[in-house]
Amino acid sequence: MADDIQLVADSRHVDSLQLLRLDYNDLNTPIESVLVLLSRLTAIQTLRLQACRIKYRNCLRCAEALAHSRTLRTWNFTDNVLFKVYSHTQHLL
C-alpha cells in the first residue's frame, strides 16, 4: 500500500487532483507516505478516508498535512479508531 500511495504522491498530476478516495484501506502502516501525499494535494476538494483504521494521533497528523489547503470542502474520516473516544473527536474538530 505504501508504494501505491507514494506513486500517487509522485505523480505529475497530484497538484490537480480534486477527489481522492482511499476508503477501507489500512493507512496506519504507510502513514508517512499518506502525509507526503496529503501535503501535495493543492487542489483537493473531496478527501475520503472512511474506515482506514486511522488512529487519533495519525488523524491529527493528516489534519496538519492538509492545513495549507484552501480548496478542501469535504473530508470524510468516519468509522476510524478516533471515533471511539468522543472527547478526542471534539478536540480534532
Protein backbone atom coordinates (compact mmCIF):
# COMPACT_ATOMS: atom_id res chain seq x y z
CA MET A 1 0.00 0.00 0.00
CA ALA A 2 2.83 2.41 0.81
CA ASP A 3 4.21 2.02 -2.71
CA ASP A 4 0.80 2.81 -4.20
CA ILE A 5 0.43 5.91 -2.04
CA GLN A 6 3.93 7.05 -2.98
CA LEU A 7 3.17 6.50 -6.67
CA VAL A 8 0.19 8.87 -6.42
CA ALA A 9 2.22 11.39 -4.38
CA ASP A 10 4.96 11.42 -7.02
CA SER A 11 2.53 11.76 -9.93
CA ARG A 12 2.89 14.91 -12.03
CA HIS A 13 -0.90 15.30 -11.79
CA VAL A 14 -1.12 15.28 -7.98
CA ASP A 15 -1.44 19.07 -7.86
CA SER A 16 -4.64 18.93 -9.95
CA LEU A 17 -6.27 16.04 -8.07
CA GLN A 18 -9.69 17.17 -6.79
CA LEU A 19 -11.09 13.90 -5.43
CA LEU A 20 -9.17 11.23 -3.56
CA ARG A 21 -10.89 8.15 -2.22
CA LEU A 22 -8.83 5.83 -0.04
CA ASP A 23 -11.75 4.28 1.88
CA TYR A 24 -11.35 0.86 3.53
CA ASN A 25 -7.56 0.72 3.37
CA ASP A 26 -5.33 0.29 6.41
CA LEU A 27 -3.43 3.59 6.30
CA ASN A 28 -1.64 3.40 9.66
CA THR A 29 1.31 1.45 8.28
CA PRO A 30 2.07 3.75 5.32
CA ILE A 31 1.16 6.90 7.28
CA GLU A 32 4.37 8.72 6.31
CA SER A 33 3.57 8.21 2.62
CA VAL A 34 -0.01 9.34 3.23
CA LEU A 35 1.24 12.52 4.91
CA VAL A 36 3.51 13.31 1.96
CA LEU A 37 0.60 12.78 -0.41
CA LEU A 38 -1.77 14.96 1.61
CA SER A 39 0.74 17.79 1.79
CA ARG A 40 0.98 17.80 -2.03
CA LEU A 41 -2.78 18.00 -2.67
CA THR A 42 -3.14 21.65 -3.60
CA ALA A 43 -6.46 21.41 -5.49
CA ILE A 44 -8.18 18.73 -3.39
CA GLN A 45 -11.89 19.30 -2.83
CA THR A 46 -13.05 15.91 -1.52
CA LEU A 47 -10.96 13.53 0.56
CA ARG A 48 -12.43 10.22 1.66
CA LEU A 49 -10.62 8.23 4.34
CA GLN A 50 -13.57 6.25 5.69
CA ALA A 51 -12.76 3.10 7.68
CA CYS A 52 -9.00 3.33 7.15
CA ARG A 53 -8.13 2.31 10.72
CA ILE A 54 -6.54 5.70 11.27
CA LYS A 55 -5.72 6.28 14.91
CA TYR A 56 -6.30 9.59 16.65
CA ARG A 57 -2.67 10.75 16.53
CA ASN A 58 -2.34 9.93 12.83
CA CYS A 59 -5.61 11.71 12.07
CA LEU A 60 -4.19 14.82 13.71
CA ARG A 61 -1.09 14.46 11.56
CA CYS A 62 -3.31 14.23 8.46
CA ALA A 63 -5.11 17.40 9.51
CA GLU A 64 -1.76 19.17 9.88
CA ALA A 65 -0.71 17.99 6.40
CA LEU A 66 -3.95 19.42 5.00
CA ALA A 67 -3.70 22.73 6.88
CA HIS A 68 -2.43 24.57 3.77
CA SER A 69 -5.44 23.52 1.67
CA ARG A 70 -7.79 26.32 0.69
CA THR A 71 -9.88 24.09 -1.58
CA LEU A 72 -10.80 21.17 0.70
CA ARG A 73 -14.57 21.15 1.20
CA THR A 74 -15.30 17.57 2.29
CA TRP A 75 -13.15 15.29 4.41
CA ASN A 76 -14.85 12.03 5.35
CA PHE A 77 -12.89 10.21 8.05
CA THR A 78 -15.78 8.36 9.71
CA ASP A 79 -15.50 4.81 11.05
CA ASN A 80 -11.91 5.20 12.19
CA VAL A 81 -10.48 4.39 15.61
CA LEU A 82 -10.69 8.01 16.77
CA PHE A 83 -14.48 7.95 16.96
CA LYS A 84 -14.35 5.51 19.86
CA VAL A 85 -13.26 8.35 22.13
CA TYR A 86 -15.73 11.24 21.91
CA SER A 87 -13.59 13.83 23.71
CA HIS A 88 -10.69 13.30 21.29
CA THR A 89 -13.03 13.72 18.35
CA GLN A 90 -14.28 17.03 19.71
CA HIS A 91 -10.67 18.23 20.02
CA LEU A 92 -9.92 17.28 16.41
CA LEU A 93 -12.96 19.08 15.05
